[in-house]
N, C-alpha and C. Protein backbone atom coordinates (compact mmCIF):
# COMPACT_ATOMS: atom_id res chain seq x y z
N MET A 1 -25.95 -1.89 -25.60
CA MET A 1 -25.01 -0.87 -25.96
C MET A 1 -24.10 -1.40 -27.07
N GLY A 2 -24.10 -0.70 -28.25
CA GLY A 2 -23.29 -1.15 -29.38
C GLY A 2 -21.90 -0.57 -29.33
N THR A 3 -21.02 -1.21 -30.05
CA THR A 3 -19.65 -0.70 -30.15
C THR A 3 -19.40 -0.26 -31.59
N ASN A 4 -18.55 0.73 -31.72
CA ASN A 4 -18.18 1.19 -33.05
C ASN A 4 -17.20 0.22 -33.68
N CYS A 5 -17.37 0.00 -34.96
CA CYS A 5 -16.47 -0.90 -35.67
C CYS A 5 -16.00 -0.17 -36.93
N ILE A 6 -14.72 -0.16 -37.14
CA ILE A 6 -14.18 0.55 -38.30
C ILE A 6 -14.68 -0.04 -39.61
N ARG A 7 -15.03 -1.32 -39.62
CA ARG A 7 -15.57 -1.95 -40.83
C ARG A 7 -16.84 -1.25 -41.29
N ASP A 8 -17.62 -0.75 -40.34
CA ASP A 8 -18.91 -0.14 -40.66
C ASP A 8 -18.81 1.37 -40.90
N ALA A 9 -17.65 1.93 -40.67
CA ALA A 9 -17.48 3.37 -40.78
C ALA A 9 -17.41 3.79 -42.25
N LYS A 10 -17.96 4.96 -42.51
CA LYS A 10 -17.92 5.52 -43.86
C LYS A 10 -17.28 6.91 -43.77
N LEU A 11 -15.95 6.94 -43.82
CA LEU A 11 -15.20 8.17 -43.65
C LEU A 11 -15.64 9.24 -44.64
N VAL A 12 -15.96 8.84 -45.85
CA VAL A 12 -16.32 9.80 -46.90
C VAL A 12 -17.59 10.58 -46.54
N GLU A 13 -18.39 10.06 -45.64
CA GLU A 13 -19.65 10.72 -45.26
C GLU A 13 -19.52 11.61 -44.02
N THR A 14 -18.31 11.82 -43.54
CA THR A 14 -18.12 12.59 -42.32
C THR A 14 -17.84 14.06 -42.61
N GLY A 15 -18.07 14.89 -41.61
CA GLY A 15 -17.71 16.30 -41.71
C GLY A 15 -16.22 16.48 -41.89
N PHE A 16 -15.44 15.60 -41.26
CA PHE A 16 -13.99 15.64 -41.40
C PHE A 16 -13.59 15.49 -42.86
N SER A 17 -14.18 14.53 -43.53
CA SER A 17 -13.86 14.28 -44.93
C SER A 17 -14.23 15.47 -45.80
N TYR A 18 -15.38 16.08 -45.54
CA TYR A 18 -15.79 17.25 -46.31
C TYR A 18 -14.82 18.41 -46.10
N THR A 19 -14.46 18.67 -44.85
CA THR A 19 -13.52 19.75 -44.55
C THR A 19 -12.19 19.50 -45.24
N MET A 20 -11.70 18.29 -45.17
CA MET A 20 -10.43 17.95 -45.82
C MET A 20 -10.52 18.13 -47.33
N SER A 21 -11.67 17.84 -47.92
CA SER A 21 -11.80 18.01 -49.37
C SER A 21 -11.65 19.48 -49.78
N LEU A 22 -11.97 20.39 -48.87
CA LEU A 22 -11.86 21.81 -49.17
C LEU A 22 -10.45 22.35 -48.94
N ILE A 23 -9.73 21.82 -47.96
CA ILE A 23 -8.45 22.42 -47.59
C ILE A 23 -7.24 21.57 -47.93
N GLN A 24 -7.44 20.34 -48.41
CA GLN A 24 -6.27 19.52 -48.72
C GLN A 24 -5.63 20.00 -50.01
N GLY A 25 -4.40 19.77 -50.10
CA GLY A 25 -3.61 20.23 -51.23
C GLY A 25 -2.34 20.86 -50.68
N LYS A 26 -1.34 20.92 -51.48
CA LYS A 26 -0.03 21.35 -51.00
C LYS A 26 -0.01 22.79 -50.51
N TYR A 27 -0.82 23.69 -51.13
CA TYR A 27 -0.71 25.11 -50.82
C TYR A 27 -1.96 25.77 -50.25
N LYS A 28 -3.08 25.09 -50.23
CA LYS A 28 -4.32 25.72 -49.79
C LYS A 28 -4.23 26.29 -48.38
N MET A 29 -3.65 25.53 -47.47
CA MET A 29 -3.55 26.00 -46.09
C MET A 29 -2.62 27.20 -45.98
N PHE A 30 -1.57 27.25 -46.79
CA PHE A 30 -0.67 28.41 -46.79
C PHE A 30 -1.39 29.66 -47.26
N ILE A 31 -2.19 29.51 -48.30
CA ILE A 31 -2.96 30.65 -48.82
C ILE A 31 -3.98 31.12 -47.79
N LEU A 32 -4.71 30.18 -47.21
CA LEU A 32 -5.70 30.55 -46.18
C LEU A 32 -5.02 31.21 -44.99
N TYR A 33 -3.87 30.70 -44.60
CA TYR A 33 -3.14 31.30 -43.48
C TYR A 33 -2.71 32.73 -43.81
N ALA A 34 -2.19 32.93 -45.02
CA ALA A 34 -1.75 34.27 -45.42
C ALA A 34 -2.93 35.24 -45.42
N LEU A 35 -4.07 34.81 -45.91
CA LEU A 35 -5.25 35.67 -45.93
C LEU A 35 -5.79 35.91 -44.53
N MET A 36 -5.64 34.94 -43.64
CA MET A 36 -6.04 35.12 -42.26
C MET A 36 -5.15 36.17 -41.59
N GLU A 37 -3.86 36.08 -41.83
CA GLU A 37 -2.90 36.99 -41.20
C GLU A 37 -2.93 38.40 -41.77
N TYR A 38 -3.03 38.51 -43.10
CA TYR A 38 -2.84 39.80 -43.75
C TYR A 38 -4.12 40.39 -44.35
N LYS A 39 -5.25 39.68 -44.19
CA LYS A 39 -6.59 40.13 -44.58
C LYS A 39 -6.79 40.27 -46.09
N ILE A 40 -6.19 41.24 -46.72
CA ILE A 40 -6.33 41.46 -48.16
C ILE A 40 -4.95 41.37 -48.78
N VAL A 41 -4.81 40.47 -49.76
CA VAL A 41 -3.49 40.21 -50.34
C VAL A 41 -3.61 40.14 -51.86
N ARG A 42 -2.64 40.74 -52.54
CA ARG A 42 -2.60 40.68 -53.99
C ARG A 42 -1.88 39.42 -54.44
N PHE A 43 -2.13 39.04 -55.71
CA PHE A 43 -1.60 37.80 -56.27
C PHE A 43 -0.08 37.72 -56.11
N ASN A 44 0.63 38.75 -56.53
CA ASN A 44 2.10 38.71 -56.47
C ASN A 44 2.62 38.68 -55.03
N GLU A 45 1.87 39.27 -54.11
CA GLU A 45 2.26 39.19 -52.69
C GLU A 45 2.17 37.75 -52.20
N LEU A 46 1.11 37.06 -52.61
CA LEU A 46 0.98 35.64 -52.25
C LEU A 46 2.13 34.84 -52.85
N LYS A 47 2.48 35.14 -54.09
CA LYS A 47 3.58 34.43 -54.75
C LYS A 47 4.89 34.63 -53.99
N LYS A 48 5.14 35.85 -53.53
CA LYS A 48 6.36 36.12 -52.76
C LYS A 48 6.32 35.45 -51.40
N TYR A 49 5.13 35.38 -50.79
CA TYR A 49 4.97 34.77 -49.47
C TYR A 49 5.22 33.26 -49.55
N ILE A 50 4.66 32.63 -50.60
CA ILE A 50 4.82 31.19 -50.79
C ILE A 50 5.83 30.99 -51.91
N LYS A 51 7.07 31.08 -51.60
CA LYS A 51 8.13 31.11 -52.59
C LYS A 51 8.15 29.89 -53.53
N SER A 52 7.82 28.73 -53.03
CA SER A 52 7.96 27.50 -53.81
C SER A 52 6.79 27.25 -54.76
N ILE A 53 5.76 28.07 -54.75
CA ILE A 53 4.59 27.84 -55.60
C ILE A 53 4.81 28.49 -56.97
N SER A 54 4.36 27.81 -58.02
CA SER A 54 4.45 28.39 -59.36
C SER A 54 3.25 29.32 -59.58
N TYR A 55 3.37 30.21 -60.55
CA TYR A 55 2.27 31.11 -60.86
C TYR A 55 1.02 30.32 -61.28
N LYS A 56 1.22 29.27 -62.07
CA LYS A 56 0.11 28.45 -62.54
C LYS A 56 -0.60 27.75 -61.38
N THR A 57 0.18 27.18 -60.48
CA THR A 57 -0.40 26.48 -59.33
C THR A 57 -1.11 27.45 -58.41
N LEU A 58 -0.52 28.63 -58.18
CA LEU A 58 -1.17 29.63 -57.34
C LEU A 58 -2.50 30.05 -57.94
N SER A 59 -2.51 30.31 -59.23
CA SER A 59 -3.74 30.71 -59.92
C SER A 59 -4.81 29.62 -59.81
N GLN A 60 -4.42 28.38 -60.07
CA GLN A 60 -5.35 27.25 -60.02
C GLN A 60 -5.89 27.05 -58.60
N THR A 61 -5.01 27.13 -57.61
CA THR A 61 -5.43 26.93 -56.22
C THR A 61 -6.36 28.03 -55.75
N LEU A 62 -6.08 29.26 -56.13
CA LEU A 62 -6.98 30.37 -55.78
C LEU A 62 -8.35 30.18 -56.43
N LYS A 63 -8.38 29.71 -57.67
CA LYS A 63 -9.66 29.45 -58.35
C LYS A 63 -10.45 28.37 -57.61
N GLU A 64 -9.77 27.33 -57.14
CA GLU A 64 -10.44 26.26 -56.39
C GLU A 64 -11.01 26.80 -55.08
N LEU A 65 -10.21 27.58 -54.36
CA LEU A 65 -10.67 28.15 -53.09
C LEU A 65 -11.84 29.11 -53.31
N GLU A 66 -11.80 29.84 -54.41
CA GLU A 66 -12.90 30.74 -54.73
C GLU A 66 -14.16 29.95 -55.09
N ALA A 67 -14.02 28.89 -55.88
CA ALA A 67 -15.15 28.04 -56.26
C ALA A 67 -15.79 27.38 -55.04
N ASP A 68 -14.97 27.08 -54.03
CA ASP A 68 -15.48 26.45 -52.80
C ASP A 68 -16.05 27.47 -51.82
N GLY A 69 -15.99 28.74 -52.19
CA GLY A 69 -16.58 29.78 -51.34
C GLY A 69 -15.74 30.17 -50.15
N LEU A 70 -14.43 29.89 -50.19
CA LEU A 70 -13.55 30.22 -49.07
C LEU A 70 -12.79 31.53 -49.29
N VAL A 71 -12.58 31.88 -50.55
CA VAL A 71 -11.79 33.06 -50.90
C VAL A 71 -12.60 33.96 -51.83
N ASN A 72 -12.48 35.25 -51.58
CA ASN A 72 -13.12 36.26 -52.41
C ASN A 72 -12.06 36.88 -53.32
N ARG A 73 -12.40 37.07 -54.58
CA ARG A 73 -11.49 37.69 -55.56
C ARG A 73 -12.12 39.00 -56.01
N LYS A 74 -11.38 40.09 -55.86
CA LYS A 74 -11.88 41.40 -56.28
C LYS A 74 -10.93 41.96 -57.33
N GLU A 75 -11.47 42.19 -58.51
CA GLU A 75 -10.68 42.71 -59.62
C GLU A 75 -11.02 44.17 -59.85
N TYR A 76 -10.00 44.97 -60.01
CA TYR A 76 -10.18 46.40 -60.27
C TYR A 76 -9.92 46.67 -61.75
N PRO A 77 -10.82 47.41 -62.41
CA PRO A 77 -10.66 47.68 -63.84
C PRO A 77 -9.64 48.80 -64.08
N GLN A 78 -8.40 48.44 -64.10
CA GLN A 78 -7.34 49.42 -64.33
C GLN A 78 -6.19 48.75 -65.04
N ILE A 79 -5.26 49.55 -65.52
CA ILE A 79 -4.07 49.03 -66.17
C ILE A 79 -2.86 49.53 -65.39
N PRO A 80 -1.97 48.67 -64.94
CA PRO A 80 -2.05 47.21 -65.01
C PRO A 80 -3.17 46.67 -64.11
N PRO A 81 -3.65 45.46 -64.42
CA PRO A 81 -4.74 44.89 -63.63
C PRO A 81 -4.37 44.75 -62.16
N LYS A 82 -5.34 44.98 -61.31
CA LYS A 82 -5.14 44.83 -59.87
C LYS A 82 -6.19 43.86 -59.36
N VAL A 83 -5.74 42.80 -58.71
CA VAL A 83 -6.63 41.79 -58.15
C VAL A 83 -6.24 41.57 -56.70
N GLU A 84 -7.24 41.58 -55.83
CA GLU A 84 -7.02 41.33 -54.40
C GLU A 84 -7.82 40.12 -53.96
N TYR A 85 -7.25 39.40 -53.02
CA TYR A 85 -7.90 38.21 -52.46
C TYR A 85 -8.09 38.40 -50.96
N SER A 86 -9.20 37.89 -50.48
CA SER A 86 -9.50 37.93 -49.05
C SER A 86 -10.37 36.71 -48.71
N LEU A 87 -10.50 36.46 -47.43
CA LEU A 87 -11.36 35.37 -46.99
C LEU A 87 -12.82 35.79 -47.06
N THR A 88 -13.68 34.88 -47.45
CA THR A 88 -15.12 35.09 -47.36
C THR A 88 -15.55 34.82 -45.91
N LYS A 89 -16.80 35.04 -45.61
CA LYS A 89 -17.32 34.69 -44.28
C LYS A 89 -17.10 33.20 -44.02
N ARG A 90 -17.35 32.41 -45.05
CA ARG A 90 -17.16 30.96 -44.93
C ARG A 90 -15.69 30.63 -44.66
N GLY A 91 -14.80 31.31 -45.37
CA GLY A 91 -13.36 31.13 -45.15
C GLY A 91 -12.94 31.58 -43.76
N GLU A 92 -13.53 32.68 -43.30
CA GLU A 92 -13.22 33.17 -41.95
C GLU A 92 -13.64 32.18 -40.88
N SER A 93 -14.65 31.37 -41.18
CA SER A 93 -15.08 30.38 -40.19
C SER A 93 -14.02 29.30 -39.95
N LEU A 94 -13.01 29.23 -40.83
CA LEU A 94 -11.89 28.30 -40.64
C LEU A 94 -10.81 28.86 -39.71
N ILE A 95 -10.89 30.14 -39.37
CA ILE A 95 -9.85 30.78 -38.56
C ILE A 95 -9.61 30.05 -37.23
N PRO A 96 -10.63 29.64 -36.49
CA PRO A 96 -10.35 28.91 -35.25
C PRO A 96 -9.54 27.63 -35.48
N ILE A 97 -9.80 26.96 -36.60
CA ILE A 97 -9.05 25.74 -36.92
C ILE A 97 -7.61 26.09 -37.24
N LEU A 98 -7.40 27.13 -38.04
CA LEU A 98 -6.04 27.56 -38.39
C LEU A 98 -5.29 28.02 -37.15
N ASP A 99 -5.97 28.78 -36.28
CA ASP A 99 -5.35 29.23 -35.03
C ASP A 99 -4.91 28.04 -34.18
N SER A 100 -5.77 27.05 -34.07
CA SER A 100 -5.44 25.86 -33.28
C SER A 100 -4.23 25.13 -33.86
N MET A 101 -4.17 25.06 -35.17
CA MET A 101 -3.02 24.40 -35.80
C MET A 101 -1.74 25.18 -35.52
N CYS A 102 -1.82 26.51 -35.57
CA CYS A 102 -0.64 27.35 -35.27
C CYS A 102 -0.19 27.15 -33.83
N GLU A 103 -1.14 27.15 -32.90
CA GLU A 103 -0.81 26.95 -31.49
C GLU A 103 -0.18 25.59 -31.26
N TRP A 104 -0.76 24.55 -31.89
CA TRP A 104 -0.21 23.22 -31.73
C TRP A 104 1.23 23.18 -32.26
N GLY A 105 1.44 23.79 -33.43
CA GLY A 105 2.78 23.81 -34.02
C GLY A 105 3.79 24.53 -33.14
N ASP A 106 3.37 25.66 -32.55
CA ASP A 106 4.26 26.41 -31.67
C ASP A 106 4.65 25.58 -30.45
N LYS A 107 3.69 24.84 -29.90
CA LYS A 107 3.94 24.05 -28.69
C LYS A 107 4.76 22.80 -28.98
N ASN A 108 4.63 22.26 -30.18
CA ASN A 108 5.25 20.97 -30.47
C ASN A 108 6.41 21.02 -31.44
N ARG A 109 6.84 22.20 -31.78
CA ARG A 109 7.98 22.36 -32.69
C ARG A 109 9.25 21.86 -32.01
N MET A 110 10.08 21.17 -32.75
CA MET A 110 11.31 20.64 -32.17
C MET A 110 12.51 21.28 -32.79
C-alpha cells in the first residue's frame, strides 16, 4: 500500500486546477453568482450590481467567461444596443458549487 507524497503531486493536472483556471479572478464569481440569481442580466445591470468593477474590466471578464463557455451573450440589433448575458448549460453546471459556497458563507459569517 503506497502513500501519497506532495512531492509527487502535480496540482496543475487536477480537476481542481482546471476549475480554478475558469473561475479565478477578482470578479468572475460575482458575475456567475449574479447570473445564477437573476438568470438574464444586461451589461449595465451587472455594473450596478458589482459597484467596484470598471466598465473595461467587466467587459474583459465577460469576454473571458464567454470564451470559456460559461456565459452566453445575446446581442439585439437595435439602437441603442441591447446585450443580455446568461449562463450556458456549462455555466449552469457550476450552480451546485456556487450554492455550496453561499451556504458555507451563511453558516460561517462572523
